[in-house]
Protein backbone atom coordinates (compact mmCIF):
# COMPACT_ATOMS: atom_id res chain seq x y z
CA MET A 1 0.00 0.00 0.00
CA MET A 2 2.77 2.43 0.92
CA ARG A 3 4.59 1.61 -2.29
CA PHE A 4 1.45 2.39 -4.29
CA LEU A 5 1.04 5.70 -2.49
CA ARG A 6 4.66 6.65 -3.15
CA HIS A 7 4.33 5.85 -6.84
CA SER A 8 1.01 7.70 -7.04
CA TYR A 9 2.52 10.74 -5.36
CA THR A 10 5.45 10.73 -7.77
CA ALA A 11 3.11 10.37 -10.76
CA ILE A 12 0.97 13.29 -9.58
CA ILE A 13 4.00 15.54 -9.10
CA LEU A 14 5.47 14.64 -12.49
CA GLY A 15 2.08 15.10 -14.13
CA PHE A 16 1.65 18.49 -12.51
CA LEU A 17 5.06 19.58 -13.77
CA TYR A 18 5.08 18.13 -17.28
CA LEU A 19 1.45 17.82 -18.37
CA PRO A 20 1.13 21.57 -19.12
CA ILE A 21 4.30 21.39 -21.25
CA PHE A 22 2.92 18.36 -23.10
CA ILE A 23 -0.36 20.20 -23.78
CA LEU A 24 1.57 23.24 -25.00
CA ILE A 25 3.57 21.07 -27.43
CA VAL A 26 0.40 19.37 -28.73
CA PHE A 27 -1.40 22.67 -29.32
CA SER A 28 1.60 24.11 -31.14
CA PHE A 29 0.48 21.79 -33.97
CA ASN A 30 -3.19 22.75 -33.67
CA ALA A 31 -4.67 24.25 -36.85
CA SER A 32 -7.20 26.19 -34.78
CA LYS A 33 -6.28 29.31 -32.81
CA SER A 34 -8.53 28.09 -30.03
CA ARG A 35 -6.80 26.62 -27.00
CA ALA A 36 -9.81 24.39 -26.30
CA VAL A 37 -10.69 22.95 -29.72
CA TRP A 38 -8.48 20.69 -31.83
CA GLY A 39 -8.71 21.82 -35.46
CA GLY A 40 -6.32 19.32 -37.00
CA PHE A 41 -2.58 18.97 -37.43
CA THR A 42 -0.59 21.83 -38.96
CA LEU A 43 2.90 23.31 -39.11
CA ARG A 44 1.51 26.77 -39.87
CA TRP A 45 2.58 28.33 -36.57
CA TYR A 46 6.16 27.12 -36.98
CA GLU A 47 6.22 28.63 -40.47
CA GLU A 48 4.89 31.95 -39.14
CA LEU A 49 7.43 31.76 -36.36
CA LEU A 50 10.30 31.50 -38.84
CA GLU A 51 8.86 34.37 -40.91
CA SER A 52 8.42 36.78 -37.97
CA GLU A 53 11.23 39.36 -37.90
CA ALA A 54 10.36 40.44 -34.35
CA ILE A 55 10.65 36.89 -33.01
CA LEU A 56 13.85 36.16 -34.96
CA ASP A 57 15.45 39.38 -33.69
CA ALA A 58 14.44 38.54 -30.11
CA LEU A 59 15.79 35.01 -30.57
CA SER A 60 19.08 36.41 -31.87
CA TYR A 61 19.45 38.71 -28.86
CA THR A 62 18.44 35.93 -26.46
CA LEU A 63 20.93 33.39 -27.79
CA SER A 64 23.72 35.95 -28.10
CA VAL A 65 23.28 37.13 -24.52
CA ALA A 66 22.78 33.58 -23.19
CA VAL A 67 25.86 32.12 -24.89
CA ILE A 68 28.22 35.02 -24.18
CA SER A 69 27.04 35.58 -20.59
CA SER A 70 27.13 31.87 -19.72
CA LEU A 71 30.68 31.48 -21.09
CA ILE A 72 32.00 34.55 -19.27
CA ALA A 73 30.11 33.70 -16.07
CA THR A 74 31.45 30.13 -16.21
CA VAL A 75 35.06 31.31 -16.45
CA ILE A 76 34.64 33.91 -13.68
CA GLY A 77 32.62 31.56 -11.47
CA THR A 78 35.07 28.67 -11.86
CA LEU A 79 38.08 30.83 -10.97
CA ALA A 80 36.18 32.40 -8.08
CA ALA A 81 35.17 28.98 -6.75
CA TYR A 82 38.76 27.78 -6.98
CA ALA A 83 39.99 30.89 -5.13
CA ILE A 84 37.35 30.46 -2.42
CA TYR A 85 38.20 26.79 -2.00
CA ARG A 86 42.01 26.95 -2.04
CA GLU A 87 43.27 30.47 -1.39
CA MET A 88 40.98 31.80 1.34
CA ARG A 89 41.13 31.28 5.08
CA PRO A 90 38.00 29.88 6.82
CA LEU A 91 36.69 33.30 7.87
CA GLU A 92 37.25 34.80 4.41
CA ARG A 93 35.65 31.73 2.81
CA LYS A 94 32.57 32.03 5.03
CA LEU A 95 32.22 35.74 4.26
CA SER A 96 32.61 35.14 0.51
CA MET A 97 29.99 32.38 0.54
CA ASN A 98 27.53 34.60 2.41
CA LEU A 99 28.05 37.30 -0.19
CA THR A 100 27.56 34.71 -2.94
CA TYR A 101 24.20 33.67 -1.51
CA VAL A 102 22.86 37.25 -1.42
CA PRO A 103 22.12 37.58 -5.19
CA LEU A 104 20.37 34.19 -5.13
CA LEU A 105 18.11 35.14 -2.22
CA ASN A 106 17.57 38.71 -3.37
CA PRO A 107 14.27 39.24 -5.27
CA ASP A 108 14.82 39.63 -9.01
CA ILE A 109 12.96 42.92 -9.08
CA VAL A 110 15.38 44.40 -6.52
CA THR A 111 18.36 43.16 -8.51
CA GLY A 112 16.91 44.48 -11.76
CA ILE A 113 16.15 47.95 -10.40
CA SER A 114 19.55 48.13 -8.65
CA LEU A 115 21.41 47.26 -11.85
CA MET A 116 19.32 49.71 -13.86
CA LEU A 117 20.16 52.53 -11.42
CA LEU A 118 23.83 51.54 -11.47
CA PHE A 119 24.01 51.65 -15.28
CA ILE A 120 22.26 55.03 -15.34
CA PHE A 121 24.57 56.35 -12.59
CA VAL A 122 27.74 55.44 -14.50
CA GLY A 123 26.29 56.86 -17.72
CA MET A 124 25.87 53.58 -19.58
CA LYS A 125 23.13 53.56 -22.18
CA LEU A 126 20.63 50.78 -21.59
CA GLY A 127 20.79 48.26 -24.41
CA PHE A 128 22.66 45.13 -25.39
CA SER A 129 25.75 45.86 -23.27
CA SER A 130 23.77 46.54 -20.09
CA LEU A 131 21.64 43.45 -20.70
CA LEU A 132 24.74 41.29 -21.20
CA LEU A 133 26.47 42.64 -18.08
CA SER A 134 23.37 42.07 -15.94
CA HIS A 135 23.13 38.45 -17.09
CA ILE A 136 26.80 37.85 -16.34
CA ILE A 137 26.38 39.33 -12.86
CA PHE A 138 23.41 37.19 -11.82
CA ASN A 139 24.83 34.02 -13.40
CA VAL A 140 28.21 34.02 -11.62
CA PRO A 141 26.89 32.95 -8.16
CA TYR A 142 25.10 29.94 -9.68
CA VAL A 143 28.31 28.80 -11.37
CA ILE A 144 30.26 29.18 -8.12
CA LEU A 145 27.75 27.04 -6.23
CA THR A 146 27.82 24.27 -8.88
CA VAL A 147 31.63 24.14 -9.12
CA LEU A 148 32.40 24.27 -5.39
CA PRO A 149 30.96 20.79 -4.57
CA LYS A 150 33.25 19.23 -7.19
CA LEU A 151 36.23 21.06 -5.72
CA LYS A 152 35.36 19.76 -2.25
CA GLN A 153 35.33 16.21 -3.65
CA PHE A 154 38.73 16.73 -5.25
CA ASP A 155 41.80 15.34 -3.48
CA ARG A 156 44.06 18.36 -2.91
CA ASN A 157 47.07 16.08 -2.48
CA LEU A 158 47.04 15.40 -6.23
CA TYR A 159 47.54 19.08 -6.98
CA ASP A 160 50.27 19.42 -4.36
CA ALA A 161 52.00 16.31 -5.71
CA ALA A 162 52.01 17.79 -9.22
CA LEU A 163 53.66 20.95 -7.85
CA ASP A 164 56.27 18.88 -6.01
CA LEU A 165 57.07 17.09 -9.26
CA GLY A 166 57.86 20.39 -10.96
CA ALA A 167 54.57 21.38 -12.58
CA SER A 168 53.65 25.06 -12.60
CA PRO A 169 50.44 26.08 -10.79
CA ALA A 170 48.75 26.88 -14.12
CA TYR A 171 49.78 23.55 -15.66
CA ALA A 172 48.71 21.60 -12.57
CA PHE A 173 45.35 23.35 -12.56
CA ARG A 174 44.81 22.67 -16.27
CA ARG A 175 45.93 19.03 -16.24
CA ILE A 176 44.94 17.87 -12.73
CA VAL A 177 42.16 20.02 -11.29
CA LEU A 178 40.21 21.03 -14.39
CA PRO A 179 39.40 17.49 -15.64
CA GLU A 180 38.12 16.52 -12.18
CA ILE A 181 35.75 19.49 -11.82
CA LEU A 182 34.68 19.56 -15.48
CA PRO A 183 31.21 18.02 -14.78
CA GLY A 184 30.51 20.84 -12.31
CA ILE A 185 31.71 23.43 -14.82
CA LEU A 186 29.49 22.03 -17.57
CA THR A 187 26.52 21.93 -15.20
CA GLY A 188 27.17 25.53 -14.19
CA ALA A 189 27.43 26.62 -17.83
CA LEU A 190 24.17 24.87 -18.71
CA PHE A 191 22.51 26.33 -15.62
CA ALA A 192 23.71 29.84 -16.55
CA PHE A 193 22.52 29.42 -20.15
CA THR A 194 19.08 28.26 -19.04
CA LEU A 195 18.70 31.07 -16.51
CA SER A 196 19.72 33.64 -19.10
CA VAL A 197 17.18 32.39 -21.64
CA ASP A 198 14.48 32.21 -18.97
CA ASP A 199 15.08 35.57 -17.27
CA PHE A 200 12.46 38.29 -17.61
CA VAL A 201 12.45 40.62 -14.59
CA ILE A 202 16.13 41.62 -14.62
CA SER A 203 16.14 41.83 -18.43
CA PHE A 204 13.06 44.05 -18.38
CA PHE A 205 14.80 46.67 -16.24
CA THR A 206 18.26 46.55 -17.82
CA THR A 207 17.51 46.54 -21.53
CA GLY A 208 16.77 49.52 -23.77
CA SER A 209 14.53 50.31 -26.69
CA GLY A 210 15.11 48.11 -29.70
CA VAL A 211 16.72 45.31 -27.69
CA ASN A 212 14.26 42.64 -26.58
CA ASN A 213 14.88 39.06 -25.59
CA LEU A 214 12.30 36.32 -25.97
CA SER A 215 10.89 36.61 -22.46
CA ILE A 216 10.13 40.31 -22.92
CA LEU A 217 8.69 39.70 -26.39
CA ILE A 218 6.47 36.84 -25.17
CA TYR A 219 5.27 39.03 -22.29
CA SER A 220 4.30 41.84 -24.69
CA MET A 221 2.60 39.36 -27.05
CA ALA A 222 0.73 37.65 -24.20
CA ARG A 223 -0.77 40.98 -23.11
CA ARG A 224 -2.57 41.10 -26.46
CA GLY A 225 -3.64 37.47 -26.20
CA ILE A 226 -1.79 34.18 -26.54
CA HIS A 227 -0.96 33.59 -30.21
CA PRO A 228 -0.22 30.01 -31.36
CA THR A 229 3.25 31.08 -32.46
CA ILE A 230 4.09 31.44 -28.75
CA ASN A 231 3.27 27.75 -28.33
CA ALA A 232 5.60 26.88 -31.21
CA LEU A 233 8.35 29.10 -29.83
CA SER A 234 8.01 27.67 -26.32
CA THR A 235 8.13 24.14 -27.74
CA LEU A 236 11.39 24.81 -29.57
CA LEU A 237 12.93 26.39 -26.47
CA PHE A 238 11.92 23.43 -24.29
CA LEU A 239 13.27 20.87 -26.76
CA THR A 240 16.55 22.79 -27.12
CA VAL A 241 17.16 22.94 -23.36
CA LEU A 242 16.14 19.27 -23.03
CA ALA A 243 18.60 18.26 -25.74
CA LEU A 244 21.41 20.20 -24.02
CA LEU A 245 20.60 18.56 -20.69
CA ILE A 246 20.60 15.07 -22.22
CA ALA A 247 23.89 15.75 -24.00
CA VAL A 248 25.58 16.93 -20.78
CA ASN A 249 24.26 13.95 -18.81
CA LEU A 250 25.40 11.48 -21.46
CA ARG A 251 28.85 13.06 -21.53
CA THR A 252 29.08 12.93 -17.74
CA GLU A 253 27.97 9.28 -17.61
CA LYS A 254 30.37 8.33 -20.39
CA ARG A 255 33.24 10.02 -18.59
CA ALA A 256 32.32 8.35 -15.29
CA ALA A 257 32.12 4.94 -16.98
CA LYS A 258 35.51 5.50 -18.61
CA ALA A 259 37.09 6.48 -15.29
CA LYS A 260 35.57 3.43 -13.61
CA SER A 261 36.84 1.08 -16.31
CA GLU A 262 40.37 2.52 -15.98
CA VAL A 263 40.30 1.80 -12.25
């Protein structure tokens, strides 16, 4: 009986999370604009999606910001995590971690308004650059928190042994430390990319006229009524993120299996 209840509970939770996405995907192929009536199968909304200049421009800005910000945030976050783990004393490490948690716990609207005021104060025109910088800033803490657990699992004696054998710190980090924490780095990069694509509140306050990402565009379109092209766009975004997640997991599992076989 308890086993049945556990399975039922899991099924309900998974259904609650993924059933709306499944319905969205199904209705992205609906020939009718109605969200309640099935009018037959069609690819019309995907064709309109590819012909919409506004959506393609927003997609271009979204992917550009997501890719660039996730790469930069991954590099900064990885180096910061390594510095926190190896170079700082316990008190400094504790203080740095508390400061790292603040952006995560801070409401997005506070972060967005604060960054907007900062950019205006320093005289930066709101646009692509301000949007990119804001995404880098809020992505870095997430990368730090995904890389740190891998560093804590790493045997520091391996790094010290490499130094004793004549390796430079940079070479030892590249050849010894980096391969061991690579799964955490990839997870952080994927996490940063997903957060960047998904973000609306911070982007809304830090972008300027003529620069819209997909979340802002979808918000403006939804205010006039949900158009089926939004379903098609959301479907493509979901499948893209899902494919990236599967690719990262397969790579991680393959690497773990290879390491296990070598042992």
